[in-house]
């Protein structure tokens, strides 16, 4: 179980960290998505901070379990809102947000299962 927990957590942290870097760099792919969901590009840095904080929280959570759980819940809520933004804008390119949502949910479930909360 430990290997599954670490694998899912690290995978989610790497994906969210990569997304944060794209936000900080103002990558064209991020700007295109922001435009599709009618979101101001000025929100990309704050969203990058949220993603980076969540990624770091997941990694630190391997040593401080409660922090990992809180980070996973925060990322889960972030991506629920992201999916909602895509749905609100009637954007068919919601797959990326759903993928990240599933990763965040997986990290939370793996954390809770590994720590014996289930």
PDB file of N, CA and C in Angstrom:
ATOM      1  N   UNK A   1       0.826  -1.203   0.000  1.00  0.00           N
ATOM      2  CA  UNK A   1       0.000   0.000   0.000  1.00  0.00           C
ATOM      3  C   UNK A   1       0.862   1.257   0.000  1.00  0.00           C
ATOM      4  N   UNK A   2       2.014   1.165   0.655  1.00  0.00           N
ATOM      5  CA  UNK A   2       2.886   2.333   0.734  1.00  0.00           C
ATOM      6  C   UNK A   2       3.339   2.774  -0.664  1.00  0.00           C
ATOM      7  N   UNK A   3       3.693   1.799  -1.509  1.00  0.00           N
ATOM      8  CA  UNK A   3       4.157   2.129  -2.856  1.00  0.00           C
ATOM      9  C   UNK A   3       3.036   2.760  -3.689  1.00  0.00           C
ATOM     10  N   UNK A   4       1.824   2.275  -3.548  1.00  0.00           N
ATOM     11  CA  UNK A   4       0.680   2.847  -4.272  1.00  0.00           C
ATOM     12  C   UNK A   4       0.431   4.273  -3.805  1.00  0.00           C
ATOM     13  N   UNK A   5       0.425   4.479  -2.488  1.00  0.00           N
ATOM     14  CA  UNK A   5       0.224   5.817  -1.925  1.00  0.00           C
ATOM     15  C   UNK A   5       1.284   6.786  -2.445  1.00  0.00           C
ATOM     16  N   UNK A   6       2.554   6.392  -2.375  1.00  0.00           N
ATOM     17  CA  UNK A   6       3.626   7.275  -2.827  1.00  0.00           C
ATOM     18  C   UNK A   6       3.538   7.541  -4.329  1.00  0.00           C
ATOM     19  N   UNK A   7       3.226   6.517  -5.098  1.00  0.00           N
ATOM     20  CA  UNK A   7       3.147   6.688  -6.558  1.00  0.00           C
ATOM     21  C   UNK A   7       2.061   7.686  -6.947  1.00  0.00           C
ATOM     22  N   UNK A   8       0.886   7.519  -6.391  1.00  0.00           N
ATOM     23  CA  UNK A   8      -0.224   8.425  -6.718  1.00  0.00           C
ATOM     24  C   UNK A   8       0.073   9.834  -6.235  1.00  0.00           C
ATOM     25  N   UNK A   9       0.608   9.947  -5.033  1.00  0.00           N
ATOM     26  CA  UNK A   9       0.897  11.265  -4.463  1.00  0.00           C
ATOM     27  C   UNK A   9       1.958  11.997  -5.278  1.00  0.00           C
ATOM     28  N   UNK A  10       3.034  11.304  -5.616  1.00  0.00           N
ATOM     29  CA  UNK A  10       4.105  11.939  -6.392  1.00  0.00           C
ATOM     30  C   UNK A  10       3.620  12.298  -7.793  1.00  0.00           C
ATOM     31  N   UNK A  11       2.840  11.410  -8.411  1.00  0.00           N
ATOM     32  CA  UNK A  11       2.303  11.699  -9.737  1.00  0.00           C
ATOM     33  C   UNK A  11       1.410  12.947  -9.700  1.00  0.00           C
ATOM     34  N   UNK A  12       0.544  13.046  -8.697  1.00  0.00           N
ATOM     35  CA  UNK A  12      -0.329  14.218  -8.576  1.00  0.00           C
ATOM     36  C   UNK A  12       0.499  15.477  -8.310  1.00  0.00           C
ATOM     37  N   UNK A  13       1.498  15.367  -7.453  1.00  0.00           N
ATOM     38  CA  UNK A  13       2.338  16.529  -7.135  1.00  0.00           C
ATOM     39  C   UNK A  13       3.114  16.995  -8.367  1.00  0.00           C
ATOM     40  N   UNK A  14       3.650  16.065  -9.135  1.00  0.00           N
ATOM     41  CA  UNK A  14       4.385  16.445 -10.347  1.00  0.00           C
ATOM     42  C   UNK A  14       3.463  17.099 -11.375  1.00  0.00           C
ATOM     43  N   UNK A  15       2.285  16.546 -11.561  1.00  0.00           N
ATOM     44  CA  UNK A  15       1.342  17.116 -12.523  1.00  0.00           C
ATOM     45  C   UNK A  15       0.919  18.519 -12.098  1.00  0.00           C
ATOM     46  N   UNK A  16       0.590  18.690 -10.825  1.00  0.00           N
ATOM     47  CA  UNK A  16       0.172  20.007 -10.345  1.00  0.00           C
ATOM     48  C   UNK A  16       1.330  20.994 -10.354  1.00  0.00           C
ATOM     49  N   UNK A  17       2.526  20.525 -10.041  1.00  0.00           N
ATOM     50  CA  UNK A  17       3.703  21.395 -10.105  1.00  0.00           C
ATOM     51  C   UNK A  17       3.974  21.854 -11.525  1.00  0.00           C
ATOM     52  N   UNK A  18       3.826  20.946 -12.473  1.00  0.00           N
ATOM     53  CA  UNK A  18       4.006  21.292 -13.887  1.00  0.00           C
ATOM     54  C   UNK A  18       2.956  22.319 -14.325  1.00  0.00           C
ATOM     55  N   UNK A  19       1.714  22.104 -13.915  1.00  0.00           N
ATOM     56  CA  UNK A  19       0.650  23.059 -14.249  1.00  0.00           C
ATOM     57  C   UNK A  19       0.940  24.426 -13.640  1.00  0.00           C
ATOM     58  N   UNK A  20       1.489  24.430 -12.415  1.00  0.00           N
ATOM     59  CA  UNK A  20       1.834  25.701 -11.773  1.00  0.00           C
ATOM     60  C   UNK A  20       2.908  26.438 -12.563  1.00  0.00           C
ATOM     61  N   UNK A  21       3.925  25.711 -13.002  1.00  0.00           N
ATOM     62  CA  UNK A  21       4.999  26.325 -13.792  1.00  0.00           C
ATOM     63  C   UNK A  21       4.440  26.914 -15.082  1.00  0.00           C
ATOM     64  N   UNK A  22       3.526  26.188 -15.733  1.00  0.00           N
ATOM     65  CA  UNK A  22       2.907  26.718 -16.950  1.00  0.00           C
ATOM     66  C   UNK A  22       2.143  28.007 -16.658  1.00  0.00           C
ATOM     67  N   UNK A  23       1.461  28.056 -15.528  1.00  0.00           N
ATOM     68  CA  UNK A  23       0.748  29.280 -15.145  1.00  0.00           C
ATOM     69  C   UNK A  23       1.729  30.421 -14.911  1.00  0.00           C
ATOM     70  N   UNK A  24       2.807  30.155 -14.178  1.00  0.00           N
ATOM     71  CA  UNK A  24       3.787  31.203 -13.879  1.00  0.00           C
ATOM     72  C   UNK A  24       4.462  31.719 -15.146  1.00  0.00           C
ATOM     73  N   UNK A  25       4.706  30.815 -16.084  1.00  0.00           N
ATOM     74  CA  UNK A  25       5.401  31.186 -17.317  1.00  0.00           C
ATOM     75  C   UNK A  25       4.478  31.865 -18.323  1.00  0.00           C
ATOM     76  N   UNK A  26       3.175  31.849 -18.058  1.00  0.00           N
ATOM     77  CA  UNK A  26       2.231  32.429 -19.008  1.00  0.00           C
ATOM     78  C   UNK A  26       2.197  31.650 -20.309  1.00  0.00           C
ATOM     79  N   UNK A  27       2.243  30.345 -20.193  1.00  0.00           N
ATOM     80  CA  UNK A  27       2.263  29.477 -21.379  1.00  0.00           C
ATOM     81  C   UNK A  27       1.021  29.706 -22.225  1.00  0.00           C
ATOM     82  N   UNK A  28       1.213  29.604 -23.519  1.00  0.00           N
ATOM     83  CA  UNK A  28       0.107  29.834 -24.446  1.00  0.00           C
ATOM     84  C   UNK A  28      -1.040  28.858 -24.206  1.00  0.00           C
ATOM     85  N   UNK A  29      -0.705  27.615 -23.859  1.00  0.00           N
ATOM     86  CA  UNK A  29      -1.752  26.617 -23.623  1.00  0.00           C
ATOM     87  C   UNK A  29      -2.657  27.028 -22.462  1.00  0.00           C
ATOM     88  N   UNK A  30      -2.088  27.619 -21.452  1.00  0.00           N
ATOM     89  CA  UNK A  30      -2.870  28.073 -20.300  1.00  0.00           C
ATOM     90  C   UNK A  30      -3.724  29.283 -20.687  1.00  0.00           C
ATOM     91  N   UNK A  31      -3.148  30.170 -21.472  1.00  0.00           N
ATOM     92  CA  UNK A  31      -3.895  31.353 -21.908  1.00  0.00           C
ATOM     93  C   UNK A  31      -5.071  30.980 -22.804  1.00  0.00           C
ATOM     94  N   UNK A  32      -4.877  29.985 -23.645  1.00  0.00           N
ATOM     95  CA  UNK A  32      -5.958  29.526 -24.529  1.00  0.00           C
ATOM     96  C   UNK A  32      -7.113  28.980 -23.699  1.00  0.00           C
ATOM     97  N   UNK A  33      -6.787  28.181 -22.691  1.00  0.00           N
ATOM     98  CA  UNK A  33      -7.836  27.624 -21.824  1.00  0.00           C
ATOM     99  C   UNK A  33      -8.534  28.749 -21.066  1.00  0.00           C
ATOM    100  N   UNK A  34      -7.778  29.707 -20.551  1.00  0.00           N
ATOM    101  CA  UNK A  34      -8.379  30.838 -19.835  1.00  0.00           C
ATOM    102  C   UNK A  34      -9.346  31.597 -20.742  1.00  0.00           C
ATOM    103  N   UNK A  35      -8.956  31.790 -21.973  1.00  0.00           N
ATOM    104  CA  UNK A  35      -9.836  32.477 -22.920  1.00  0.00           C
ATOM    105  C   UNK A  35     -11.102  31.668 -23.203  1.00  0.00           C
ATOM    106  N   UNK A  36     -10.938  30.339 -23.330  1.00  0.00           N
ATOM    107  CA  UNK A  36     -12.101  29.496 -23.625  1.00  0.00           C
ATOM    108  C   UNK A  36     -13.131  29.512 -22.501  1.00  0.00           C
ATOM    109  N   UNK A  37     -12.662  29.602 -21.259  1.00  0.00           N
ATOM    110  CA  UNK A  37     -13.603  29.608 -20.125  1.00  0.00           C
ATOM    111  C   UNK A  37     -13.917  31.032 -19.670  1.00  0.00           C
ATOM    112  N   UNK A  38     -13.486  31.998 -20.491  1.00  0.00           N
ATOM    113  CA  UNK A  38     -13.750  33.421 -20.222  1.00  0.00           C
ATOM    114  C   UNK A  38     -13.254  33.853 -18.847  1.00  0.00           C
ATOM    115  N   UNK A  39     -11.979  33.567 -18.596  1.00  0.00           N
ATOM    116  CA  UNK A  39     -11.330  33.907 -17.341  1.00  0.00           C
ATOM    117  C   UNK A  39     -10.184  34.863 -17.641  1.00  0.00           C
ATOM    118  N   UNK A  40     -10.068  35.909 -16.858  1.00  0.00           N
ATOM    119  CA  UNK A  40      -9.004  36.880 -17.068  1.00  0.00           C
ATOM    120  C   UNK A  40      -7.636  36.216 -16.901  1.00  0.00           C
ATOM    121  N   UNK A  41      -6.738  36.553 -17.785  1.00  0.00           N
ATOM    122  CA  UNK A  41      -5.376  36.000 -17.715  1.00  0.00           C
ATOM    123  C   UNK A  41      -4.645  36.470 -16.464  1.00  0.00           C
ATOM    124  N   UNK A  42      -5.114  37.525 -15.845  1.00  0.00           N
ATOM    125  CA  UNK A  42      -4.469  38.016 -14.622  1.00  0.00           C
ATOM    126  C   UNK A  42      -4.617  37.026 -13.457  1.00  0.00           C
ATOM    127  N   UNK A  43      -5.504  36.065 -13.590  1.00  0.00           N
ATOM    128  CA  UNK A  43      -5.697  35.049 -12.547  1.00  0.00           C
ATOM    129  C   UNK A  43      -4.696  33.904 -12.654  1.00  0.00           C
ATOM    130  N   UNK A  44      -3.888  33.876 -13.697  1.00  0.00           N
ATOM    131  CA  UNK A  44      -2.996  32.731 -13.892  1.00  0.00           C
ATOM    132  C   UNK A  44      -1.931  32.622 -12.801  1.00  0.00           C
ATOM    133  N   UNK A  45      -1.389  33.727 -12.345  1.00  0.00           N
ATOM    134  CA  UNK A  45      -0.378  33.672 -11.276  1.00  0.00           C
ATOM    135  C   UNK A  45      -1.006  33.208  -9.958  1.00  0.00           C
ATOM    136  N   UNK A  46      -2.133  33.785  -9.514  1.00  0.00           N
ATOM    137  CA  UNK A  46      -2.745  33.257  -8.281  1.00  0.00           C
ATOM    138  C   UNK A  46      -3.124  31.782  -8.386  1.00  0.00           C
ATOM    139  N   UNK A  47      -3.611  31.362  -9.545  1.00  0.00           N
ATOM    140  CA  UNK A  47      -3.930  29.938  -9.718  1.00  0.00           C
ATOM    141  C   UNK A  47      -2.661  29.094  -9.690  1.00  0.00           C
ATOM    142  N   UNK A  48      -1.584  29.615 -10.249  1.00  0.00           N
ATOM    143  CA  UNK A  48      -0.300  28.922 -10.186  1.00  0.00           C
ATOM    144  C   UNK A  48       0.175  28.757  -8.751  1.00  0.00           C
ATOM    145  N   UNK A  49      -0.036  29.791  -7.946  1.00  0.00           N
ATOM    146  CA  UNK A  49       0.340  29.704  -6.523  1.00  0.00           C
ATOM    147  C   UNK A  49      -0.468  28.614  -5.831  1.00  0.00           C
ATOM    148  N   UNK A  50      -1.758  28.551  -6.112  1.00  0.00           N
ATOM    149  CA  UNK A  50      -2.599  27.503  -5.509  1.00  0.00           C
ATOM    150  C   UNK A  50      -2.122  26.110  -5.930  1.00  0.00           C
ATOM    151  N   UNK A  51      -1.818  25.952  -7.197  1.00  0.00           N
ATOM    152  CA  UNK A  51      -1.353  24.660  -7.687  1.00  0.00           C
ATOM    153  C   UNK A  51      -0.006  24.281  -7.082  1.00  0.00           C
ATOM    154  N   UNK A  52       0.906  25.233  -7.022  1.00  0.00           N
ATOM    155  CA  UNK A  52       2.226  24.960  -6.445  1.00  0.00           C
ATOM    156  C   UNK A  52       2.119  24.630  -4.958  1.00  0.00           C
ATOM    157  N   UNK A  53       1.277  25.364  -4.252  1.00  0.00           N
ATOM    158  CA  UNK A  53       1.078  25.096  -2.830  1.00  0.00           C
ATOM    159  C   UNK A  53       0.493  23.705  -2.619  1.00  0.00           C
ATOM    160  N   UNK A  54      -0.465  23.335  -3.452  1.00  0.00           N
ATOM    161  CA  UNK A  54      -1.043  21.999  -3.353  1.00  0.00           C
ATOM    162  C   UNK A  54      -0.015  20.917  -3.637  1.00  0.00           C
ATOM    163  N   UNK A  55       0.807  21.120  -4.657  1.00  0.00           N
ATOM    164  CA  UNK A  55       1.832  20.139  -5.005  1.00  0.00           C
ATOM    165  C   UNK A  55       2.840  19.971  -3.865  1.00  0.00           C
ATOM    166  N   UNK A  56       3.281  21.077  -3.319  1.00  0.00           N
ATOM    167  CA  UNK A  56       4.226  21.013  -2.198  1.00  0.00           C
ATOM    168  C   UNK A  56       3.556  20.365  -0.988  1.00  0.00           C
ATOM    169  N   UNK A  57       2.298  20.704  -0.737  1.00  0.00           N
ATOM    170  CA  UNK A  57       1.569  20.115   0.383  1.00  0.00           C
ATOM    171  C   UNK A  57       1.432  18.608   0.254  1.00  0.00           C
ATOM    172  N   UNK A  58       1.208  18.121  -0.967  1.00  0.00           N
ATOM    173  CA  UNK A  58       1.124  16.675  -1.167  1.00  0.00           C
ATOM    174  C   UNK A  58       2.446  16.002  -0.823  1.00  0.00           C
ATOM    175  N   UNK A  59       3.546  16.609  -1.249  1.00  0.00           N
ATOM    176  CA  UNK A  59       4.858  16.018  -0.972  1.00  0.00           C
ATOM    177  C   UNK A  59       5.210  16.075   0.505  1.00  0.00           C
ATOM    178  N   UNK A  60       4.967  17.220   1.132  1.00  0.00           N
ATOM    179  CA  UNK A  60       5.233  17.339   2.571  1.00  0.00           C
ATOM    180  C   UNK A  60       4.310  16.414   3.347  1.00  0.00           C
ATOM    181  N   UNK A  61       3.136  16.155   2.783  1.00  0.00           N
ATOM    182  CA  UNK A  61       2.171  15.274   3.429  1.00  0.00           C
ATOM    183  C   UNK A  61       2.642  13.843   3.584  1.00  0.00           C
ATOM    184  N   UNK A  62       3.685  13.453   2.866  1.00  0.00           N
ATOM    185  CA  UNK A  62       4.229  12.112   3.080  1.00  0.00           C
ATOM    186  C   UNK A  62       4.863  12.008   4.466  1.00  0.00           C
ATOM    187  N   UNK A  63       5.275  13.149   5.029  1.00  0.00           N
ATOM    188  CA  UNK A  63       5.844  13.170   6.383  1.00  0.00           C
ATOM    189  C   UNK A  63       4.847  13.705   7.408  1.00  0.00           C
ATOM    190  N   UNK A  64       3.964  14.592   6.978  1.00  0.00           N
ATOM    191  CA  UNK A  64       2.959  15.191   7.870  1.00  0.00           C
ATOM    192  C   UNK A  64       1.588  14.857   7.273  1.00  0.00           C
ATOM    193  N   UNK A  65       1.009  13.723   7.672  1.00  0.00           N
ATOM    194  CA  UNK A  65      -0.203  13.217   7.015  1.00  0.00           C
ATOM    195  C   UNK A  65      -1.352  14.210   6.897  1.00  0.00           C
ATOM    196  N   UNK A  66      -1.625  14.979   7.934  1.00  0.00           N
ATOM    197  CA  UNK A  66      -2.736  15.913   7.884  1.00  0.00           C
ATOM    198  C   UNK A  66      -2.524  16.966   6.798  1.00  0.00           C
ATOM    199  N   UNK A  67      -1.304  17.411   6.629  1.00  0.00           N
ATOM    200  CA  UNK A  67      -1.008  18.403   5.592  1.00  0.00           C
ATOM    201  C   UNK A  67      -1.265  17.832   4.200  1.00  0.00           C
ATOM    202  N   UNK A  68      -0.907  16.589   3.990  1.00  0.00           N
ATOM    203  CA  UNK A  68      -1.178  15.947   2.709  1.00  0.00           C
ATOM    204  C   UNK A  68      -2.664  15.838   2.430  1.00  0.00           C
ATOM    205  N   UNK A  69      -3.434  15.524   3.471  1.00  0.00           N
ATOM    206  CA  UNK A  69      -4.885  15.427   3.307  1.00  0.00           C
ATOM    207  C   UNK A  69      -5.493  16.779   2.989  1.00  0.00           C
ATOM    208  N   UNK A  70      -5.043  17.798   3.684  1.00  0.00           N
ATOM    209  CA  UNK A  70      -5.551  19.151   3.436  1.00  0.00           C
ATOM    210  C   UNK A  70      -5.181  19.607   2.022  1.00  0.00           C
ATOM    211  N   UNK A  71      -3.955  19.323   1.594  1.00  0.00           N
ATOM    212  CA  UNK A  71      -3.528  19.701   0.240  1.00  0.00           C
ATOM    213  C   UNK A  71      -4.369  18.982  -0.804  1.00  0.00           C
ATOM    214  N   UNK A  72      -4.612  17.699  -0.594  1.00  0.00           N
ATOM    215  CA  UNK A  72      -5.417  16.933  -1.559  1.00  0.00           C
ATOM    216  C   UNK A  72      -6.849  17.468  -1.610  1.00  0.00           C
ATOM    217  N   UNK A  73      -7.409  17.808  -0.459  1.00  0.00           N
ATOM    218  CA  UNK A  73      -8.767  18.372  -0.432  1.00  0.00           C
ATOM    219  C   UNK A  73      -8.785  19.720  -1.147  1.00  0.00           C
ATOM    220  N   UNK A  74      -7.769  20.547  -0.904  1.00  0.00           N
ATOM    221  CA  UNK A  74      -7.683  21.841  -1.579  1.00  0.00           C
ATOM    222  C   UNK A  74      -7.601  21.689  -3.090  1.00  0.00           C
ATOM    223  N   UNK A  75      -6.776  20.757  -3.554  1.00  0.00           N
ATOM    224  CA  UNK A  75      -6.670  20.521  -4.995  1.00  0.00           C
ATOM    225  C   UNK A  75      -7.963  19.957  -5.559  1.00  0.00           C
ATOM    226  N   UNK A  76      -8.604  19.094  -4.801  1.00  0.00           N
ATOM    227  CA  UNK A  76      -9.886  18.537  -5.232  1.00  0.00           C
ATOM    228  C   UNK A  76     -10.910  19.657  -5.428  1.00  0.00           C
ATOM    229  N   UNK A  77     -10.986  20.565  -4.491  1.00  0.00           N
ATOM    230  CA  UNK A  77     -11.918  21.693  -4.605  1.00  0.00           C
ATOM    231  C   UNK A  77     -11.535  22.607  -5.772  1.00  0.00           C
ATOM    232  N   UNK A  78     -10.243  22.839  -5.937  1.00  0.00           N
ATOM    233  CA  UNK A  78      -9.761  23.661  -7.046  1.00  0.00           C
ATOM    234  C   UNK A  78     -10.242  23.095  -8.375  1.00  0.00           C
ATOM    235  N   UNK A  79     -10.084  21.780  -8.549  1.00  0.00           N
ATOM    236  CA  UNK A  79     -10.440  21.187  -9.834  1.00  0.00           C
ATOM    237  C   UNK A  79     -11.927  20.971  -9.999  1.00  0.00           C
ATOM    238  N   UNK A  80     -12.671  20.864  -8.910  1.00  0.00           N
ATOM    239  CA  UNK A  80     -14.134  20.871  -9.027  1.00  0.00           C
ATOM    240  C   UNK A  80     -14.565  22.229  -9.599  1.00  0.00           C
ATOM    241  N   UNK A  81     -13.959  23.288  -9.085  1.00  0.00           N
ATOM    242  CA  UNK A  81     -14.268  24.627  -9.613  1.00  0.00           C
ATOM    243  C   UNK A  81     -13.810  24.778 -11.067  1.00  0.00           C
ATOM    244  N   UNK A  82     -12.657  24.187 -11.406  1.00  0.00           N
ATOM    245  CA  UNK A  82     -12.171  24.256 -12.787  1.00  0.00           C
ATOM    246  C   UNK A  82     -13.136  23.549 -13.737  1.00  0.00           C
ATOM    247  N   UNK A  83     -13.594  22.367 -13.336  1.00  0.00           N
ATOM    248  CA  UNK A  83     -14.576  21.659 -14.160  1.00  0.00           C
ATOM    249  C   UNK A  83     -15.841  22.499 -14.279  1.00  0.00           C
ATOM    250  N   UNK A  84     -16.267  23.105 -13.183  1.00  0.00           N
ATOM    251  CA  UNK A  84     -17.440  23.975 -13.203  1.00  0.00           C
ATOM    252  C   UNK A  84     -17.275  25.141 -14.156  1.00  0.00           C
ATOM    253  N   UNK A  85     -16.064  25.713 -14.207  1.00  0.00           N
ATOM    254  CA  UNK A  85     -15.808  26.830 -15.125  1.00  0.00           C
ATOM    255  C   UNK A  85     -15.929  26.373 -16.575  1.00  0.00           C
ATOM    256  N   UNK A  86     -15.436  25.189 -16.861  1.00  0.00           N
ATOM    257  CA  UNK A  86     -15.556  24.657 -18.223  1.00  0.00           C
ATOM    258  C   UNK A  86     -17.020  24.390 -18.583  1.00  0.00           C
ATOM    259  N   UNK A  87     -17.755  23.826 -17.640  1.00  0.00           N
ATOM    260  CA  UNK A  87     -19.175  23.535 -17.889  1.00  0.00           C
ATOM    261  C   UNK A  87     -19.951  24.836 -18.084  1.00  0.00           C
ATOM    262  N   UNK A  88     -19.667  25.822 -17.221  1.00  0.00           N
ATOM    263  CA  UNK A  88     -20.348  27.116 -17.324  1.00  0.00           C
ATOM    264  C   UNK A  88     -20.112  27.758 -18.684  1.00  0.00           C
ATOM    265  N   UNK A  89     -18.890  27.623 -19.194  1.00  0.00           N
ATOM    266  CA  UNK A  89     -18.547  28.210 -20.490  1.00  0.00           C
ATOM    267  C   UNK A  89     -18.921  27.302 -21.660  1.00  0.00           C
ATOM    268  N   UNK A  90     -19.497  26.150 -21.354  1.00  0.00           N
ATOM    269  CA  UNK A  90     -19.855  25.161 -22.377  1.00  0.00           C
ATOM    270  C   UNK A  90     -18.659  24.771 -23.235  1.00  0.00           C
ATOM    271  N   UNK A  91     -17.525  24.647 -22.551  1.00  0.00           N
ATOM    272  CA  UNK A  91     -16.272  24.280 -23.202  1.00  0.00           C
ATOM    273  C   UNK A  91     -16.164  22.757 -23.255  1.00  0.00           C
ATOM    274  N   UNK A  92     -15.960  22.236 -24.432  1.00  0.00           N
ATOM    275  CA  UNK A  92     -15.841  20.781 -24.575  1.00  0.00           C
ATOM    276  C   UNK A  92     -14.450  20.273 -24.196  1.00  0.00           C
ATOM    277  N   UNK A  93     -13.502  21.169 -24.006  1.00  0.00           N
ATOM    278  CA  UNK A  93     -12.149  20.779 -23.632  1.00  0.00           C
ATOM    279  C   UNK A  93     -11.966  20.657 -22.137  1.00  0.00           C
ATOM    280  N   UNK A  94     -12.856  19.953 -21.487  1.00  0.00           N
ATOM    281  CA  UNK A  94     -12.846  19.821 -20.039  1.00  0.00           C
ATOM    282  C   UNK A  94     -12.014  18.621 -19.575  1.00  0.00           C
ATOM    283  N   UNK A  95     -11.498  17.840 -20.513  1.00  0.00           N
ATOM    284  CA  UNK A  95     -10.774  16.613 -20.176  1.00  0.00           C
ATOM    285  C   UNK A  95      -9.585  16.818 -19.255  1.00  0.00           C
ATOM    286  N   UNK A  96      -8.819  17.866 -19.490  1.00  0.00           N
ATOM    287  CA  UNK A  96      -7.651  18.131 -18.642  1.00  0.00           C
ATOM    288  C   UNK A  96      -8.046  18.390 -17.200  1.00  0.00           C
ATOM    289  N   UNK A  97      -9.070  19.192 -17.008  1.00  0.00           N
ATOM    290  CA  UNK A  97      -9.534  19.489 -15.651  1.00  0.00           C
ATOM    291  C   UNK A  97     -10.057  18.232 -14.961  1.00  0.00           C
ATOM    292  N   UNK A  98     -10.740  17.376 -15.724  1.00  0.00           N
ATOM    293  CA  UNK A  98     -11.247  16.131 -15.149  1.00  0.00           C
ATOM    294  C   UNK A  98     -10.082  15.215 -14.779  1.00  0.00           C
ATOM    295  N   UNK A  99      -9.064  15.156 -15.617  1.00  0.00           N
ATOM    296  CA  UNK A  99      -7.883  14.350 -15.317  1.00  0.00           C
ATOM    297  C   UNK A  99      -7.237  14.794 -14.005  1.00  0.00           C
ATOM    298  N   UNK A 100      -7.040  16.105 -13.856  1.00  0.00           N
ATOM    299  CA  UNK A 100      -6.434  16.621 -12.631  1.00  0.00           C
ATOM    300  C   UNK A 100      -7.348  16.400 -11.421  1.00  0.00           C
ATOM    301  N   UNK A 101      -8.644  16.494 -11.629  1.00  0.00           N
ATOM    302  CA  UNK A 101      -9.606  16.213 -10.555  1.00  0.00           C
ATOM    303  C   UNK A 101      -9.476  14.764 -10.086  1.00  0.00           C
ATOM    304  N   UNK A 102      -9.378  13.843 -11.023  1.00  0.00           N
ATOM    305  CA  UNK A 102      -9.228  12.425 -10.676  1.00  0.00           C
ATOM    306  C   UNK A 102      -7.896  12.191  -9.954  1.00  0.00           C
ATOM    307  N   UNK A 103      -6.832  12.868 -10.382  1.00  0.00           N
ATOM    308  CA  UNK A 103      -5.544  12.740  -9.689  1.00  0.00           C
ATOM    309  C   UNK A 103      -5.641  13.236  -8.249  1.00  0.00           C
ATOM    310  N   UNK A 104      -6.275  14.378  -8.042  1.00  0.00           N
ATOM    311  CA  UNK A 104      -6.423  14.918  -6.691  1.00  0.00           C
ATOM    312  C   UNK A 104      -7.262  13.979  -5.826  1.00  0.00           C
ATOM    313  N   UNK A 105      -8.342  13.447  -6.395  1.00  0.00           N
ATOM    314  CA  UNK A 105      -9.185  12.502  -5.652  1.00  0.00           C
ATOM    315  C   UNK A 105      -8.396  11.240  -5.323  1.00  0.00           C
ATOM    316  N   UNK A 106      -7.616  10.772  -6.270  1.00  0.00           N
ATOM    317  CA  UNK A 106      -6.785   9.596  -6.029  1.00  0.00           C
ATOM    318  C   UNK A 106      -5.769   9.820  -4.929  1.00  0.00           C
ATOM    319  N   UNK A 107      -5.165  10.998  -4.911  1.00  0.00           N
ATOM    320  CA  UNK A 107      -4.196  11.315  -3.860  1.00  0.00           C
ATOM    321  C   UNK A 107      -4.870  11.335  -2.496  1.00  0.00           C
ATOM    322  N   UNK A 108      -6.067  11.890  -2.426  1.00  0.00           N
ATOM    323  CA  UNK A 108      -6.790  11.930  -1.152  1.00  0.00           C
ATOM    324  C   UNK A 108      -7.183  10.530  -0.705  1.00  0.00           C
ATOM    325  N   UNK A 109      -7.735   9.739  -1.608  1.00  0.00           N
ATOM    326  CA  UNK A 109      -8.161   8.383  -1.261  1.00  0.00           C
ATOM    327  C   UNK A 109      -6.955   7.533  -0.846  1.00  0.00           C
ATOM    328  N   UNK A 110      -5.854   7.639  -1.589  1.00  0.00           N
ATOM    329  CA  UNK A 110      -4.653   6.872  -1.244  1.00  0.00           C
ATOM    330  C   UNK A 110      -4.118   7.284   0.116  1.00  0.00           C
ATOM    331  N   UNK A 111      -4.127   8.586   0.401  1.00  0.00           N
ATOM    332  CA  UNK A 111      -3.656   9.075   1.699  1.00  0.00           C
ATOM    333  C   UNK A 111      -4.528   8.521   2.817  1.00  0.00           C
ATOM    334  N   UNK A 112      -5.826   8.644   2.671  1.00  0.00           N
ATOM    335  CA  UNK A 112      -6.735   8.169   3.721  1.00  0.00           C
ATOM    336  C   UNK A 112      -6.639   6.660   3.908  1.00  0.00           C
ATOM    337  N   UNK A 113      -6.526   5.922   2.810  1.00  0.00           N
ATOM    338  CA  UNK A 113      -6.427   4.462   2.904  1.00  0.00           C
ATOM    339  C   UNK A 113      -5.110   4.056   3.550  1.00  0.00           C
ATOM    340  N   UNK A 114      -4.024   4.696   3.151  1.00  0.00           N
ATOM    341  CA  UNK A 114      -2.715   4.344   3.696  1.00  0.00           C
ATOM    342  C   UNK A 114      -2.617   4.686   5.181  1.00  0.00           C
ATOM    343  N   UNK A 115      -3.198   5.791   5.541  1.00  0.00           N
ATOM    344  CA  UNK A 115      -3.114   6.231   6.951  1.00  0.00           C
ATOM    345  C   UNK A 115      -4.133   5.524   7.836  1.00  0.00           C
ATOM    346  N   UNK A 116      -4.939   4.634   7.261  1.00  0.00           N
ATOM    347  CA  UNK A 116      -5.862   3.834   8.048  1.00  0.00           C
ATOM    348  C   UNK A 116      -7.127   4.542   8.460  1.00  0.00           C
ATOM    349  N   UNK A 117      -7.518   5.554   7.703  1.00  0.00           N
ATOM    350  CA  UNK A 117      -8.755   6.270   8.015  1.00  0.00           C
ATOM    351  C   UNK A 117      -9.972   5.616   7.380  1.00  0.00           C
ATOM    352  N   UNK A 118      -9.750   4.498   6.668  1.00  0.00           N
ATOM    353  CA  UNK A 118     -10.843   3.756   6.074  1.00  0.00           C
ATOM    354  C   UNK A 118     -10.759   2.327   6.466  1.00  0.00           C
TER     355      UNK A 118
END
